[in-house]
Protein backbone atom coordinates (compact mmCIF):
# COMPACT_ATOMS: atom_id res chain seq x y z
CA UNK A 1 -25.61 43.12 56.37
CA UNK A 2 -25.63 40.68 53.26
CA UNK A 3 -23.16 37.99 52.83
CA UNK A 4 -19.96 39.78 50.68
CA UNK A 5 -17.36 37.98 48.49
CA UNK A 6 -13.53 39.26 48.79
CA UNK A 7 -11.08 38.04 46.55
CA UNK A 8 -7.40 37.85 47.21
CA UNK A 9 -4.72 37.86 44.68
CA UNK A 10 -1.21 36.83 46.10
CA UNK A 11 1.18 37.73 42.60
CA UNK A 12 4.77 37.56 42.14
CA UNK A 13 7.18 37.83 39.00
CA UNK A 14 6.51 34.22 38.03
CA UNK A 15 9.28 31.39 36.33
CA UNK A 16 8.53 29.06 33.73
CA UNK A 17 8.17 25.43 35.90
CA UNK A 18 8.83 22.74 32.94
CA UNK A 19 11.86 24.12 31.27
CA UNK A 20 11.91 24.87 27.82
CA UNK A 21 12.75 27.28 25.02
CA UNK A 22 9.42 27.92 24.48
CA UNK A 23 8.31 28.19 27.21
CA UNK A 24 11.11 31.14 28.14
CA UNK A 25 10.09 33.28 25.29
CA UNK A 26 6.86 34.85 26.24
CA UNK A 27 8.50 35.32 30.09
CA UNK A 28 11.55 36.94 28.86
CA UNK A 29 9.61 39.21 26.37
CA UNK A 30 7.09 39.85 28.82
CA UNK A 31 9.66 40.78 31.36
CA UNK A 32 11.12 43.01 28.86
CA UNK A 33 7.95 44.97 28.29
CA UNK A 34 7.25 45.35 31.64
CA UNK A 35 10.38 45.65 33.73
CA UNK A 36 13.29 46.73 31.27
CA UNK A 37 11.51 49.27 29.57
CA UNK A 38 10.94 51.22 32.81
CA UNK A 39 14.71 51.20 33.01
CA UNK A 40 15.73 51.58 28.93
CA UNK A 41 13.72 52.63 26.56
CA UNK A 42 13.92 49.71 23.76
CA UNK A 43 12.68 49.70 20.08
CA UNK A 44 10.48 46.98 19.57
CA UNK A 45 13.24 44.75 17.27
CA UNK A 46 15.83 44.96 19.92
CA UNK A 47 13.15 43.97 22.49
CA UNK A 48 12.19 41.16 20.87
CA UNK A 49 16.04 39.78 20.32
CA UNK A 50 17.31 40.64 24.03
CA UNK A 51 14.10 38.79 25.14
CA UNK A 52 15.47 35.61 22.83
CA UNK A 53 18.93 35.90 23.49
CA UNK A 54 18.03 35.63 27.73
CA UNK A 55 15.65 32.63 27.00
CA UNK A 56 18.25 30.97 25.13
CA UNK A 57 20.89 31.71 27.52
CA UNK A 58 18.56 31.01 30.86
CA UNK A 59 17.57 27.73 28.94
CA UNK A 60 21.40 26.10 28.66
CA UNK A 61 22.34 27.62 32.30
CA UNK A 62 19.17 26.00 33.81
CA UNK A 63 19.97 22.45 31.55
CA UNK A 64 23.48 22.50 32.25
CA UNK A 65 23.10 22.60 36.11
CA UNK A 66 19.61 20.56 36.55
CA UNK A 67 18.05 23.71 38.04
CA UNK A 68 14.16 24.02 38.45
CA UNK A 69 12.54 27.13 39.36
CA UNK A 70 9.93 26.77 42.48
CA UNK A 71 8.22 29.84 42.28
CA UNK A 72 5.20 29.22 40.97
CA UNK A 73 5.11 26.13 42.88
CA UNK A 74 5.72 27.75 46.42
CA UNK A 75 3.32 30.54 45.27
CA UNK A 76 0.46 28.45 44.75
CA UNK A 77 0.84 26.74 48.23
CA UNK A 78 1.00 30.24 49.86
CA UNK A 79 -2.15 30.80 48.48
CA UNK A 80 -3.69 27.99 49.74
CA UNK A 81 -1.98 28.19 53.31
CA UNK A 82 -3.39 31.99 52.86
CA UNK A 83 -6.82 31.10 52.24
CA UNK A 84 -6.66 28.37 55.05
CA UNK A 85 -5.78 31.06 57.39
CA UNK A 86 -8.11 33.11 56.13
CA UNK A 87 -11.21 31.04 56.31
CA UNK A 88 -10.21 30.32 60.41
CA UNK A 89 -10.90 34.28 60.78
CA UNK A 90 -14.27 34.53 62.83
CA UNK A 91 -15.42 37.00 59.27
CA UNK A 92 -15.10 34.29 56.56
CA UNK A 93 -16.11 31.88 59.05
CA UNK A 94 -19.41 29.69 58.61
CA UNK A 95 -22.16 31.90 57.36
CA UNK A 96 -20.41 35.34 56.90
CA UNK A 97 -18.59 36.98 54.03
CA UNK A 98 -17.11 34.62 51.89
CA UNK A 99 -13.26 34.45 50.96
CA UNK A 100 -11.26 32.99 47.92
CA UNK A 101 -7.43 33.53 47.06
CA UNK A 102 -5.84 32.79 43.64
CA UNK A 103 -1.93 33.06 42.45
CA UNK A 104 -1.18 35.06 39.55
CA UNK A 105 1.89 36.31 37.98
CA UNK A 106 3.76 39.06 35.98
CA UNK A 107 5.41 36.78 33.57
CA UNK A 108 4.03 33.65 33.38
CA UNK A 109 0.05 32.25 33.33
CA UNK A 110 -2.16 32.76 34.96
CA UNK A 111 -1.01 36.64 34.37
CA UNK A 112 -2.63 39.22 36.89
CA UNK A 113 -4.48 40.92 34.29
CA UNK A 114 -6.40 37.56 33.81
CA UNK A 115 -7.07 36.59 37.20
CA UNK A 116 -8.40 40.35 37.64
CA UNK A 117 -10.84 39.95 34.92
CA UNK A 118 -12.36 36.69 36.52
CA UNK A 119 -12.47 38.36 39.74
CA UNK A 120 -13.70 42.02 38.95
CA UNK A 121 -17.68 40.89 38.33
CA UNK A 122 -17.98 38.66 41.24
CA UNK A 123 -16.25 40.38 44.06
CA UNK A 124 -17.21 42.92 46.32
CA UNK A 125 -13.31 44.07 46.84
CA UNK A 126 -10.39 42.46 45.43
CA UNK A 127 -6.69 42.44 47.62
CA UNK A 128 -3.81 42.51 45.71
CA UNK A 129 -0.45 41.29 47.62
CA UNK A 130 2.74 41.26 45.94
CA UNK A 131 4.87 39.25 47.21
CA UNK A 132 8.06 41.22 47.77
CA UNK A 133 8.61 42.67 51.10
CA UNK A 134 10.13 46.09 49.60
CA UNK A 135 7.78 48.10 46.77
CA UNK A 136 9.48 49.76 43.89
CA UNK A 137 8.70 50.56 39.96
CA UNK A 138 10.07 46.87 39.62
CA UNK A 139 8.30 44.79 42.40
CA UNK A 140 4.98 46.55 43.80
CA UNK A 141 4.67 48.49 40.97
CA UNK A 142 3.82 46.58 38.09
CA UNK A 143 0.78 45.53 39.90
CA UNK A 144 -0.10 48.94 40.88
CA UNK A 145 0.28 49.59 37.69
CA UNK A 146 -1.32 46.80 35.87
CA UNK A 147 -4.32 47.57 37.95
CA UNK A 148 -4.73 51.44 36.86
CA UNK A 149 -3.91 50.62 33.17
CA UNK A 150 -6.80 47.79 33.29
CA UNK A 151 -9.57 49.32 35.11
CA UNK A 152 -8.66 53.11 35.16
CA UNK A 153 -8.87 55.24 38.12
CA UNK A 154 -12.05 53.54 39.39
CA UNK A 155 -10.30 50.84 40.68
CA UNK A 156 -10.29 52.57 43.75
CA UNK A 157 -13.58 51.71 44.14
CA UNK A 158 -12.73 47.76 44.48
CA UNK A 159 -9.04 47.29 44.38
CA UNK A 160 -6.42 47.52 47.04
CA UNK A 161 -2.69 46.96 46.50
CA UNK A 162 -1.26 45.82 49.41
CA UNK A 163 2.37 47.96 50.70
CA UNK A 164 4.82 48.38 52.87
CA UNK A 165 5.09 44.68 54.38
CA UNK A 166 8.57 45.32 55.40
CA UNK A 167 7.73 47.80 57.83
CA UNK A 168 5.87 45.26 59.90
CA UNK A 169 7.31 44.41 63.38
CA UNK A 170 5.52 40.96 63.39
CA UNK A 171 7.09 40.08 59.79
CA UNK A 172 10.99 40.88 61.75
CA UNK A 173 9.63 38.23 64.83
CA UNK A 174 8.88 35.68 62.36
CA UNK A 175 12.15 36.03 60.04
CA UNK A 176 14.27 35.75 63.09
CA UNK A 177 12.18 32.87 64.27
CA UNK A 178 13.05 31.22 60.67
CA UNK A 179 16.59 32.35 60.50
CA UNK A 180 17.58 31.09 63.93
CA UNK A 181 15.55 27.71 63.97
CA UNK A 182 17.00 26.95 60.55
CA UNK A 183 20.29 26.75 61.40
CA UNK A 184 22.51 23.77 62.19
CA UNK A 185 23.00 23.07 65.60
CA UNK A 186 27.22 23.26 64.78
CA UNK A 187 26.42 26.77 64.43
CA UNK A 188 25.10 27.59 67.88
CA UNK A 189 28.16 25.84 69.72
CA UNK A 190 30.83 27.34 67.42
CA UNK A 191 34.41 27.18 69.20
CA UNK A 192 35.39 30.42 71.08
CA UNK A 193 36.96 32.86 68.54
CA UNK A 194 35.20 31.34 65.61
CA UNK A 195 34.03 34.20 63.14
CA UNK A 196 30.43 33.27 61.64
CA UNK A 197 29.29 35.96 59.33
CA UNK A 198 25.66 36.26 57.69
CA UNK A 199 24.65 37.84 54.61
CA UNK A 200 21.08 39.01 54.12
CA UNK A 201 20.30 38.84 50.24
CA UNK A 202 17.85 40.99 48.46
CA UNK A 203 17.43 42.17 44.83
CA UNK A 204 19.11 45.57 44.24
CA UNK A 205 17.93 48.61 42.35
CA UNK A 206 19.67 51.16 40.32
CA UNK A 207 21.03 54.32 42.36
CA UNK A 208 21.75 56.60 38.93
CA UNK A 209 20.66 55.83 35.50
CA UNK A 210 22.58 55.99 32.21
CA UNK A 211 23.37 59.51 32.44
CA UNK A 212 24.66 59.22 36.07
CA UNK A 213 21.26 60.88 37.40
CA UNK A 214 18.87 60.03 40.13
CA UNK A 215 16.25 57.58 38.20
CA UNK A 216 12.98 59.03 37.38
CA UNK A 217 11.37 56.00 38.81
CA UNK A 218 10.42 54.48 42.35
CA UNK A 219 13.35 52.30 42.80
CA UNK A 220 13.16 51.79 46.40
CA UNK A 221 16.47 52.26 47.14
CA UNK A 222 16.15 54.22 50.90
CA UNK A 223 13.33 51.25 51.62
CA UNK A 224 16.11 48.88 50.76
CA UNK A 225 18.54 49.94 53.13
CA UNK A 226 16.05 50.91 55.87
CA UNK A 227 14.63 47.41 55.78
CA UNK A 228 18.51 46.02 55.97
CA UNK A 229 19.24 48.18 58.85
CA UNK A 230 16.30 46.99 60.94
CA UNK A 231 17.00 43.27 60.62
CA UNK A 232 20.70 43.80 60.80
CA UNK A 233 19.58 45.74 64.31
CA UNK A 234 17.11 42.94 65.54
CA UNK A 235 19.17 40.44 64.60
CA UNK A 236 22.46 41.37 66.33
CA UNK A 237 20.41 42.16 69.50
CA UNK A 238 18.52 39.09 69.46
CA UNK A 239 20.02 36.87 72.37
CA UNK A 240 20.21 33.73 70.00
CA UNK A 241 22.45 35.34 67.74
CA UNK A 242 25.81 33.61 66.66
CA UNK A 243 26.67 35.66 64.19
CA UNK A 244 29.62 38.64 64.46
CA UNK A 245 28.93 40.48 61.53
CA UNK A 246 25.57 40.82 58.82
CA UNK A 247 26.50 42.11 55.33
CA UNK A 248 24.12 43.41 52.75
CA UNK A 249 24.01 41.19 49.38
CA UNK A 250 22.48 42.77 46.34
CA UNK A 251 21.46 40.89 43.42
CA UNK A 252 21.61 43.47 40.49
CA UNK A 253 21.22 43.52 36.77
CA UNK A 254 23.39 44.54 34.16
CA UNK A 255 21.82 47.44 32.49
CA UNK A 256 19.86 50.62 33.37
CA UNK A 257 22.65 52.23 34.98
CA UNK A 258 24.76 52.14 37.92
CA UNK A 259 23.17 49.28 40.49
CA UNK A 260 23.41 49.16 44.38
CA UNK A 261 27.13 48.76 45.07
CA UNK A 262 26.73 46.48 48.03
CA UNK A 263 26.45 42.90 46.44
CA UNK A 264 26.51 39.42 47.14
CA UNK A 265 30.00 39.01 45.58
CA UNK A 266 31.54 42.06 47.46
CA UNK A 267 29.87 40.76 51.08
CA UNK A 268 31.38 37.43 50.18
CA UNK A 269 34.95 38.75 49.59
CA UNK A 270 35.05 40.84 52.66
CA UNK A 271 34.10 38.10 54.78
CA UNK A 272 36.60 35.80 53.38
CA UNK A 273 38.95 39.12 54.08
CA UNK A 274 38.17 39.61 57.65
CA UNK A 275 38.87 36.27 58.56
CA UNK A 276 35.61 34.92 58.61
CA UNK A 277 35.40 30.79 57.88
CA UNK A 278 31.85 30.44 58.34
CA UNK A 279 28.74 32.20 56.38
CA UNK A 280 25.03 31.74 56.40
CA UNK A 281 22.83 33.14 53.81
CA UNK A 282 19.59 34.21 54.09
CA UNK A 283 17.16 35.87 51.31
CA UNK A 284 14.99 38.56 53.32
CA UNK A 285 14.12 40.18 50.46
CA UNK A 286 12.13 37.30 49.10
CA UNK A 287 9.09 35.71 50.26
CA UNK A 288 9.76 32.25 48.00
CA UNK A 289 12.78 30.76 46.61
CA UNK A 290 13.55 31.49 43.17
CA UNK A 291 16.56 31.56 40.25
CA UNK A 292 17.65 34.63 42.15
CA UNK A 293 17.81 32.88 45.54
CA UNK A 294 18.17 29.26 45.46
CA UNK A 295 20.19 29.45 42.14
CA UNK A 296 22.39 32.67 41.81
CA UNK A 297 22.57 33.67 45.21
CA UNK A 298 23.49 30.41 46.55
CA UNK A 299 25.77 29.17 43.62
CA UNK A 300 27.83 32.19 44.72
CA UNK A 301 27.81 31.01 48.37
CA UNK A 302 28.64 27.59 47.18
CA UNK A 303 31.74 29.18 45.09
CA UNK A 304 32.79 31.21 48.15
CA UNK A 305 36.04 30.33 50.05
CA UNK A 306 34.49 30.02 53.49
CA UNK A 307 35.07 26.65 55.28
CA UNK A 308 31.61 26.14 56.38
CA UNK A 309 28.46 27.31 54.30
CA UNK A 310 24.77 27.34 55.05
CA UNK A 311 21.78 28.64 53.02
CA UNK A 312 18.49 28.89 54.67
CA UNK A 313 15.93 29.31 52.43
CA UNK A 314 13.16 31.52 52.09
CA UNK A 315 10.16 31.39 54.34
CA UNK A 316 7.97 30.01 51.22
CA UNK A 317 4.81 27.83 52.65
CA UNK A 318 5.65 28.34 56.19
CA UNK A 319 2.54 27.96 58.34
CA UNK A 320 3.44 30.55 60.58
CA UNK A 321 4.07 33.04 57.47
CA UNK A 322 0.51 32.10 56.02
CA UNK A 323 -0.89 32.62 59.42
CA UNK A 324 1.15 36.64 59.36
CA UNK A 325 0.00 37.40 55.66
CA UNK A 326 -3.53 36.21 56.73
CA UNK A 327 -3.60 38.92 59.51
CA UNK A 328 -2.33 41.43 57.37
CA UNK A 329 -4.66 40.49 54.60
CA UNK A 330 -7.52 40.94 56.74
CA UNK A 331 -6.80 44.36 58.16
CA UNK A 332 -6.05 45.39 54.42
CA UNK A 333 -9.84 44.22 54.00
CA UNK A 334 -11.05 46.72 56.14
CA UNK A 335 -9.22 49.59 54.96
CA UNK A 336 -10.79 48.55 51.53
CA UNK A 337 -14.10 48.68 52.97
CA UNK A 338 -13.10 52.38 53.98
CA UNK A 339 -11.90 53.26 50.76
CA UNK A 340 -14.80 51.45 48.90
CA UNK A 341 -17.25 53.79 50.88
CA UNK A 342 -14.78 57.20 49.56
CA UNK A 343 -14.25 55.93 45.72
CA UNK A 344 -17.23 53.40 45.01
CA UNK A 345 -19.72 55.10 42.83
CA UNK A 346 -21.81 52.04 40.71
CA UNK A 347 -24.06 49.53 42.84
CA UNK A 348 -22.06 47.07 45.45
CA UNK A 349 -20.81 43.38 43.89
CA UNK A 350 -21.48 40.53 46.16
């Protein structure tokens, strides 16, 4: 069998690295076009007005608080780590099949569609990995839609989009190790009777549209709640557990209808009312820190009434995470080989 070249794309939303209104404008407009329009139909003029308002608001807020997003930087390092791990796989070592991994984004350059174009003619197969564990029309959805829009139904002969990462037992174990190893020693030896709580943060989703009806798009609500249930159950059962309670904390938007009621604010308020003086926070619904996690959510934690607070960062570019994801991708490549046999109707690409 001749050598084959496979391409892997780690794609996430993307946030501007160098803060400026000029940099924020195209990003905000693309967010409105790709995401917000799925929820609320908008005329083009209003779309640009909202996007420009959003850009100015974020610029002033981030500038005032000296915030710099690390999302693109982290995703880039994750891609390098996953590529290195894949090249240790016997299939891609030495003179065997070739592998390349690239980072891409929905809302900043390099855009997903541009990276796919670059790989299309030179790859035997492409695996796209949305870097958010729970899929929905707003997370995995843009990747699936862009692949279909860009290449049509024939993409099944070449491209595979990864889904269902949140279900993986290995990810759960990785999360537990990361969570408990990230706690300061003082949390391990808390005084008897001291109540310690944990907020698991995830992006919220729409429960009802503006008409009070079930949304027509796939929101990932059931998957979100099941992911939380699984993680809470495993955290509470772990012998390393120091938490008396684990609560869900959703980060919601303000438009489009009724969003998940289990918000970060509600979780923190409930902990305060229930006498929890120590509260930790872990964004289990994200693989990389971004403005929603280490800025918005952390800011809410910092402002809470808890005496002791601890923010646990996302897994980010952890070598253990890179190794796990590389293993999942290797499995997806095997499935892509089968998928190609079924759907490919053209000559094999090398």
